[in-house]
Amino acid sequence: MITLTALQTKEIVSIETGKRIGHIIDLEIDVDQGKITDIIIGARSGISQLFNKQSEYTIPWSNIVTFGDDVILIK
């Protein structure tokens, strides 16, 4: 079992591009089925870094390939 806090420390990396995307900031859960449906990733890039502004991306849980010690690989 893994906690949200532990997930938030892992960096999200695309296996297709090798690009570092960001870190998990939240999860979307289907309460009727009791399953995680999506991860919400916060990413700082470009000019938004200057103002500490964070972009958010939603990635379906099914796109997760594997959990490593320090990273989560997604497709």
PDB file of N, CA and C in Angstrom:
ATOM      1  N   MET A   1       0.848  -1.176   0.000  1.00  0.00           N
ATOM      2  CA  MET A   1       0.000   0.000   0.000  1.00  0.00           C
ATOM      3  C   MET A   1       0.894   1.240   0.000  1.00  0.00           C
ATOM      4  N   ILE A   2       0.424   2.298  -0.646  1.00  0.00           N
ATOM      5  CA  ILE A   2       1.177   3.542  -0.719  1.00  0.00           C
ATOM      6  C   ILE A   2       0.239   4.712  -0.378  1.00  0.00           C
ATOM      7  N   THR A   3       0.774   5.693   0.296  1.00  0.00           N
ATOM      8  CA  THR A   3      -0.033   6.841   0.708  1.00  0.00           C
ATOM      9  C   THR A   3       0.061   7.967  -0.322  1.00  0.00           C
ATOM     10  N   LEU A   4      -0.891   8.894  -0.275  1.00  0.00           N
ATOM     11  CA  LEU A   4      -0.859  10.066  -1.148  1.00  0.00           C
ATOM     12  C   LEU A   4       0.402  10.877  -0.888  1.00  0.00           C
ATOM     13  N   THR A   5       0.793  10.993   0.359  1.00  0.00           N
ATOM     14  CA  THR A   5       2.007  11.737   0.698  1.00  0.00           C
ATOM     15  C   THR A   5       3.228  11.118   0.023  1.00  0.00           C
ATOM     16  N   ALA A   6       3.312   9.801   0.009  1.00  0.00           N
ATOM     17  CA  ALA A   6       4.430   9.126  -0.655  1.00  0.00           C
ATOM     18  C   ALA A   6       4.371   9.333  -2.165  1.00  0.00           C
ATOM     19  N   LEU A   7       3.168   9.311  -2.741  1.00  0.00           N
ATOM     20  CA  LEU A   7       3.020   9.549  -4.177  1.00  0.00           C
ATOM     21  C   LEU A   7       3.450  10.964  -4.550  1.00  0.00           C
ATOM     22  N   GLN A   8       3.163  11.921  -3.696  1.00  0.00           N
ATOM     23  CA  GLN A   8       3.467  13.317  -3.992  1.00  0.00           C
ATOM     24  C   GLN A   8       4.967  13.602  -4.026  1.00  0.00           C
ATOM     25  N   THR A   9       5.776  12.748  -3.446  1.00  0.00           N
ATOM     26  CA  THR A   9       7.225  12.967  -3.462  1.00  0.00           C
ATOM     27  C   THR A   9       7.874  12.431  -4.736  1.00  0.00           C
ATOM     28  N   LYS A  10       7.138  11.625  -5.491  1.00  0.00           N
ATOM     29  CA  LYS A  10       7.698  11.025  -6.707  1.00  0.00           C
ATOM     30  C   LYS A  10       7.460  11.937  -7.907  1.00  0.00           C
ATOM     31  N   GLU A  11       8.463  12.049  -8.752  1.00  0.00           N
ATOM     32  CA  GLU A  11       8.340  12.859  -9.958  1.00  0.00           C
ATOM     33  C   GLU A  11       7.657  12.045 -11.052  1.00  0.00           C
ATOM     34  N   ILE A  12       6.817  12.701 -11.843  1.00  0.00           N
ATOM     35  CA  ILE A  12       6.125  12.048 -12.953  1.00  0.00           C
ATOM     36  C   ILE A  12       6.967  12.231 -14.213  1.00  0.00           C
ATOM     37  N   VAL A  13       7.257  11.106 -14.901  1.00  0.00           N
ATOM     38  CA  VAL A  13       8.091  11.135 -16.106  1.00  0.00           C
ATOM     39  C   VAL A  13       7.371  10.382 -17.220  1.00  0.00           C
ATOM     40  N   SER A  14       7.349  10.982 -18.412  1.00  0.00           N
ATOM     41  CA  SER A  14       6.757  10.342 -19.587  1.00  0.00           C
ATOM     42  C   SER A  14       7.733   9.327 -20.159  1.00  0.00           C
ATOM     43  N   ILE A  15       7.275   8.098 -20.402  1.00  0.00           N
ATOM     44  CA  ILE A  15       8.157   7.088 -20.991  1.00  0.00           C
ATOM     45  C   ILE A  15       8.345   7.333 -22.490  1.00  0.00           C
ATOM     46  N   GLU A  16       7.427   8.064 -23.104  1.00  0.00           N
ATOM     47  CA  GLU A  16       7.526   8.321 -24.540  1.00  0.00           C
ATOM     48  C   GLU A  16       8.559   9.393 -24.865  1.00  0.00           C
ATOM     49  N   THR A  17       8.624  10.438 -24.024  1.00  0.00           N
ATOM     50  CA  THR A  17       9.523  11.558 -24.311  1.00  0.00           C
ATOM     51  C   THR A  17      10.679  11.671 -23.325  1.00  0.00           C
ATOM     52  N   GLY A  18      10.567  11.023 -22.174  1.00  0.00           N
ATOM     53  CA  GLY A  18      11.577  11.152 -21.130  1.00  0.00           C
ATOM     54  C   GLY A  18      11.458  12.458 -20.365  1.00  0.00           C
ATOM     55  N   LYS A  19      10.435  13.235 -20.687  1.00  0.00           N
ATOM     56  CA  LYS A  19      10.241  14.556 -20.076  1.00  0.00           C
ATOM     57  C   LYS A  19       9.709  14.435 -18.656  1.00  0.00           C
ATOM     58  N   ARG A  20      10.267  15.258 -17.779  1.00  0.00           N
ATOM     59  CA  ARG A  20       9.755  15.359 -16.410  1.00  0.00           C
ATOM     60  C   ARG A  20       8.523  16.252 -16.450  1.00  0.00           C
ATOM     61  N   ILE A  21       7.421  15.749 -15.944  1.00  0.00           N
ATOM     62  CA  ILE A  21       6.159  16.476 -16.057  1.00  0.00           C
ATOM     63  C   ILE A  21       5.835  17.260 -14.797  1.00  0.00           C
ATOM     64  N   GLY A  22       6.098  16.699 -13.651  1.00  0.00           N
ATOM     65  CA  GLY A  22       5.778  17.384 -12.401  1.00  0.00           C
ATOM     66  C   GLY A  22       5.555  16.391 -11.279  1.00  0.00           C
ATOM     67  N   HIS A  23       4.748  16.794 -10.315  1.00  0.00           N
ATOM     68  CA  HIS A  23       4.439  15.951  -9.157  1.00  0.00           C
ATOM     69  C   HIS A  23       2.927  15.880  -8.959  1.00  0.00           C
ATOM     70  N   ILE A  24       2.476  14.797  -8.358  1.00  0.00           N
ATOM     71  CA  ILE A  24       1.051  14.643  -8.045  1.00  0.00           C
ATOM     72  C   ILE A  24       0.669  15.653  -6.971  1.00  0.00           C
ATOM     73  N   ILE A  25      -0.411  16.387  -7.239  1.00  0.00           N
ATOM     74  CA  ILE A  25      -0.926  17.309  -6.230  1.00  0.00           C
ATOM     75  C   ILE A  25      -2.282  16.865  -5.703  1.00  0.00           C
ATOM     76  N   ASP A  26      -2.953  15.978  -6.451  1.00  0.00           N
ATOM     77  CA  ASP A  26      -4.270  15.520  -6.010  1.00  0.00           C
ATOM     78  C   ASP A  26      -4.665  14.270  -6.795  1.00  0.00           C
ATOM     79  N   LEU A  27      -5.719  13.623  -6.346  1.00  0.00           N
ATOM     80  CA  LEU A  27      -6.272  12.449  -7.009  1.00  0.00           C
ATOM     81  C   LEU A  27      -7.756  12.655  -7.238  1.00  0.00           C
ATOM     82  N   GLU A  28      -8.287  12.068  -8.310  1.00  0.00           N
ATOM     83  CA  GLU A  28      -9.737  12.018  -8.512  1.00  0.00           C
ATOM     84  C   GLU A  28     -10.172  10.592  -8.243  1.00  0.00           C
ATOM     85  N   ILE A  29     -11.211  10.467  -7.435  1.00  0.00           N
ATOM     86  CA  ILE A  29     -11.675   9.149  -7.001  1.00  0.00           C
ATOM     87  C   ILE A  29     -13.139   8.978  -7.363  1.00  0.00           C
ATOM     88  N   ASP A  30     -13.475   7.830  -7.944  1.00  0.00           N
ATOM     89  CA  ASP A  30     -14.867   7.461  -8.193  1.00  0.00           C
ATOM     90  C   ASP A  30     -15.373   6.836  -6.903  1.00  0.00           C
ATOM     91  N   VAL A  31     -16.151   7.584  -6.138  1.00  0.00           N
ATOM     92  CA  VAL A  31     -16.592   7.109  -4.825  1.00  0.00           C
ATOM     93  C   VAL A  31     -17.569   5.946  -4.931  1.00  0.00           C
ATOM     94  N   ASP A  32     -18.286   5.847  -6.042  1.00  0.00           N
ATOM     95  CA  ASP A  32     -19.222   4.737  -6.213  1.00  0.00           C
ATOM     96  C   ASP A  32     -18.491   3.409  -6.390  1.00  0.00           C
ATOM     97  N   GLN A  33     -17.371   3.451  -7.111  1.00  0.00           N
ATOM     98  CA  GLN A  33     -16.598   2.232  -7.345  1.00  0.00           C
ATOM     99  C   GLN A  33     -15.431   2.083  -6.377  1.00  0.00           C
ATOM    100  N   GLY A  34     -15.090   3.163  -5.679  1.00  0.00           N
ATOM    101  CA  GLY A  34     -13.972   3.120  -4.742  1.00  0.00           C
ATOM    102  C   GLY A  34     -12.627   2.990  -5.427  1.00  0.00           C
ATOM    103  N   LYS A  35     -12.489   3.632  -6.607  1.00  0.00           N
ATOM    104  CA  LYS A  35     -11.252   3.533  -7.374  1.00  0.00           C
ATOM    105  C   LYS A  35     -10.729   4.916  -7.737  1.00  0.00           C
ATOM    106  N   ILE A  36      -9.412   5.018  -7.844  1.00  0.00           N
ATOM    107  CA  ILE A  36      -8.788   6.243  -8.330  1.00  0.00           C
ATOM    108  C   ILE A  36      -8.947   6.258  -9.843  1.00  0.00           C
ATOM    109  N   THR A  37      -9.464   7.368 -10.376  1.00  0.00           N
ATOM    110  CA  THR A  37      -9.668   7.465 -11.823  1.00  0.00           C
ATOM    111  C   THR A  37      -8.590   8.304 -12.516  1.00  0.00           C
ATOM    112  N   ASP A  38      -8.104   9.340 -11.841  1.00  0.00           N
ATOM    113  CA  ASP A  38      -7.133  10.247 -12.448  1.00  0.00           C
ATOM    114  C   ASP A  38      -6.160  10.758 -11.393  1.00  0.00           C
ATOM    115  N   ILE A  39      -4.988  11.173 -11.871  1.00  0.00           N
ATOM    116  CA  ILE A  39      -4.054  11.894 -11.009  1.00  0.00           C
ATOM    117  C   ILE A  39      -3.977  13.321 -11.525  1.00  0.00           C
ATOM    118  N   ILE A  40      -3.874  14.265 -10.617  1.00  0.00           N
ATOM    119  CA  ILE A  40      -3.729  15.669 -10.968  1.00  0.00           C
ATOM    120  C   ILE A  40      -2.266  16.023 -10.737  1.00  0.00           C
ATOM    121  N   ILE A  41      -1.622  16.500 -11.795  1.00  0.00           N
ATOM    122  CA  ILE A  41      -0.202  16.815 -11.739  1.00  0.00           C
ATOM    123  C   ILE A  41      -0.022  18.323 -11.782  1.00  0.00           C
ATOM    124  N   GLY A  42       0.793  18.821 -10.882  1.00  0.00           N
ATOM    125  CA  GLY A  42       1.154  20.233 -10.883  1.00  0.00           C
ATOM    126  C   GLY A  42       2.523  20.388 -11.508  1.00  0.00           C
ATOM    127  N   ALA A  43       2.636  21.319 -12.457  1.00  0.00           N
ATOM    128  CA  ALA A  43       3.915  21.530 -13.134  1.00  0.00           C
ATOM    129  C   ALA A  43       4.209  23.014 -13.231  1.00  0.00           C
ATOM    130  N   ARG A  44       5.432  23.378 -12.893  1.00  0.00           N
ATOM    131  CA  ARG A  44       5.878  24.759 -13.050  1.00  0.00           C
ATOM    132  C   ARG A  44       6.803  24.808 -14.247  1.00  0.00           C
ATOM    133  N   SER A  45       6.540  25.734 -15.141  1.00  0.00           N
ATOM    134  CA  SER A  45       7.413  25.843 -16.308  1.00  0.00           C
ATOM    135  C   SER A  45       7.442  27.266 -16.837  1.00  0.00           C
ATOM    136  N   GLY A  46       8.542  27.601 -17.489  1.00  0.00           N
ATOM    137  CA  GLY A  46       8.679  28.879 -18.160  1.00  0.00           C
ATOM    138  C   GLY A  46       8.448  30.074 -17.268  1.00  0.00           C
ATOM    139  N   ILE A  47       7.729  31.048 -17.781  1.00  0.00           N
ATOM    140  CA  ILE A  47       7.486  32.304 -17.078  1.00  0.00           C
ATOM    141  C   ILE A  47       6.670  32.094 -15.801  1.00  0.00           C
ATOM    142  N   SER A  48       5.843  31.053 -15.773  1.00  0.00           N
ATOM    143  CA  SER A  48       5.022  30.819 -14.582  1.00  0.00           C
ATOM    144  C   SER A  48       5.872  30.499 -13.362  1.00  0.00           C
ATOM    145  N   GLN A  49       7.114  30.011 -13.564  1.00  0.00           N
ATOM    146  CA  GLN A  49       8.002  29.743 -12.424  1.00  0.00           C
ATOM    147  C   GLN A  49       8.338  31.025 -11.683  1.00  0.00           C
ATOM    148  N   LEU A  50       8.455  32.105 -12.413  1.00  0.00           N
ATOM    149  CA  LEU A  50       8.805  33.380 -11.786  1.00  0.00           C
ATOM    150  C   LEU A  50       7.744  33.837 -10.802  1.00  0.00           C
ATOM    151  N   PHE A  51       6.505  33.524 -11.104  1.00  0.00           N
ATOM    152  CA  PHE A  51       5.396  33.969 -10.266  1.00  0.00           C
ATOM    153  C   PHE A  51       4.845  32.852  -9.401  1.00  0.00           C
ATOM    154  N   ASN A  52       5.565  31.720  -9.362  1.00  0.00           N
ATOM    155  CA  ASN A  52       5.170  30.560  -8.559  1.00  0.00           C
ATOM    156  C   ASN A  52       3.779  30.062  -8.952  1.00  0.00           C
ATOM    157  N   LYS A  53       3.440  30.223 -10.224  1.00  0.00           N
ATOM    158  CA  LYS A  53       2.150  29.774 -10.728  1.00  0.00           C
ATOM    159  C   LYS A  53       2.293  28.346 -11.228  1.00  0.00           C
ATOM    160  N   GLN A  54       1.312  27.520 -10.937  1.00  0.00           N
ATOM    161  CA  GLN A  54       1.403  26.108 -11.262  1.00  0.00           C
ATOM    162  C   GLN A  54       0.323  25.733 -12.267  1.00  0.00           C
ATOM    163  N   SER A  55       0.722  25.040 -13.333  1.00  0.00           N
ATOM    164  CA  SER A  55      -0.234  24.491 -14.282  1.00  0.00           C
ATOM    165  C   SER A  55      -0.677  23.130 -13.769  1.00  0.00           C
ATOM    166  N   GLU A  56      -1.905  22.769 -14.055  1.00  0.00           N
ATOM    167  CA  GLU A  56      -2.412  21.464 -13.633  1.00  0.00           C
ATOM    168  C   GLU A  56      -2.750  20.623 -14.855  1.00  0.00           C
ATOM    169  N   TYR A  57      -2.391  19.343 -14.782  1.00  0.00           N
ATOM    170  CA  TYR A  57      -2.702  18.386 -15.830  1.00  0.00           C
ATOM    171  C   TYR A  57      -3.413  17.195 -15.198  1.00  0.00           C
ATOM    172  N   THR A  58      -4.417  16.687 -15.885  1.00  0.00           N
ATOM    173  CA  THR A  58      -5.112  15.489 -15.430  1.00  0.00           C
ATOM    174  C   THR A  58      -4.674  14.319 -16.297  1.00  0.00           C
ATOM    175  N   ILE A  59      -4.187  13.279 -15.647  1.00  0.00           N
ATOM    176  CA  ILE A  59      -3.723  12.077 -16.337  1.00  0.00           C
ATOM    177  C   ILE A  59      -4.556  10.901 -15.837  1.00  0.00           C
ATOM    178  N   PRO A  60      -5.149  10.121 -16.758  1.00  0.00           N
ATOM    179  CA  PRO A  60      -5.911   8.942 -16.320  1.00  0.00           C
ATOM    180  C   PRO A  60      -5.010   7.949 -15.571  1.00  0.00           C
ATOM    181  N   TRP A  61      -5.556   7.364 -14.531  1.00  0.00           N
ATOM    182  CA  TRP A  61      -4.824   6.376 -13.734  1.00  0.00           C
ATOM    183  C   TRP A  61      -4.322   5.231 -14.613  1.00  0.00           C
ATOM    184  N   SER A  62      -5.095   4.906 -15.647  1.00  0.00           N
ATOM    185  CA  SER A  62      -4.721   3.799 -16.541  1.00  0.00           C
ATOM    186  C   SER A  62      -3.456   4.101 -17.352  1.00  0.00           C
ATOM    187  N   ASN A  63      -3.022   5.355 -17.407  1.00  0.00           N
ATOM    188  CA  ASN A  63      -1.797   5.720 -18.134  1.00  0.00           C
ATOM    189  C   ASN A  63      -0.527   5.491 -17.315  1.00  0.00           C
ATOM    190  N   ILE A  64      -0.682   5.140 -16.050  1.00  0.00           N
ATOM    191  CA  ILE A  64       0.491   4.858 -15.225  1.00  0.00           C
ATOM    192  C   ILE A  64       1.058   3.506 -15.631  1.00  0.00           C
ATOM    193  N   VAL A  65       2.360   3.508 -15.945  1.00  0.00           N
ATOM    194  CA  VAL A  65       3.032   2.281 -16.362  1.00  0.00           C
ATOM    195  C   VAL A  65       3.612   1.565 -15.149  1.00  0.00           C
ATOM    196  N   THR A  66       4.344   2.304 -14.318  1.00  0.00           N
ATOM    197  CA  THR A  66       4.955   1.698 -13.140  1.00  0.00           C
ATOM    198  C   THR A  66       5.320   2.758 -12.108  1.00  0.00           C
ATOM    199  N   PHE A  67       5.455   2.307 -10.878  1.00  0.00           N
ATOM    200  CA  PHE A  67       5.914   3.147  -9.774  1.00  0.00           C
ATOM    201  C   PHE A  67       7.337   2.748  -9.443  1.00  0.00           C
ATOM    202  N   GLY A  68       8.267   3.691  -9.542  1.00  0.00           N
ATOM    203  CA  GLY A  68       9.646   3.434  -9.149  1.00  0.00           C
ATOM    204  C   GLY A  68       9.900   3.990  -7.762  1.00  0.00           C
ATOM    205  N   ASP A  69      11.153   3.908  -7.305  1.00  0.00           N
ATOM    206  CA  ASP A  69      11.506   4.432  -6.001  1.00  0.00           C
ATOM    207  C   ASP A  69      11.350   5.940  -5.941  1.00  0.00           C
ATOM    208  N   ASP A  70      11.746   6.629  -7.044  1.00  0.00           N
ATOM    209  CA  ASP A  70      11.733   8.091  -7.058  1.00  0.00           C
ATOM    210  C   ASP A  70      10.805   8.686  -8.098  1.00  0.00           C
ATOM    211  N   VAL A  71      10.334   7.866  -9.043  1.00  0.00           N
ATOM    212  CA  VAL A  71       9.516   8.372 -10.149  1.00  0.00           C
ATOM    213  C   VAL A  71       8.301   7.484 -10.386  1.00  0.00           C
ATOM    214  N   ILE A  72       7.343   8.091 -11.084  1.00  0.00           N
ATOM    215  CA  ILE A  72       6.190   7.355 -11.599  1.00  0.00           C
ATOM    216  C   ILE A  72       6.252   7.520 -13.110  1.00  0.00           C
ATOM    217  N   LEU A  73       6.297   6.413 -13.840  1.00  0.00           N
ATOM    218  CA  LEU A  73       6.365   6.458 -15.287  1.00  0.00           C
ATOM    219  C   LEU A  73       4.968   6.371 -15.874  1.00  0.00           C
ATOM    220  N   ILE A  74       4.673   7.293 -16.819  1.00  0.00           N
ATOM    221  CA  ILE A  74       3.361   7.299 -17.465  1.00  0.00           C
ATOM    222  C   ILE A  74       3.532   7.249 -18.974  1.00  0.00           C
ATOM    223  N   LYS A  75       2.471   6.801 -19.662  1.00  0.00           N
ATOM    224  CA  LYS A  75       2.508   6.829 -21.126  1.00  0.00           C
ATOM    225  C   LYS A  75       1.707   7.987 -21.629  1.00  0.00           C
TER     226      LYS A  75
END
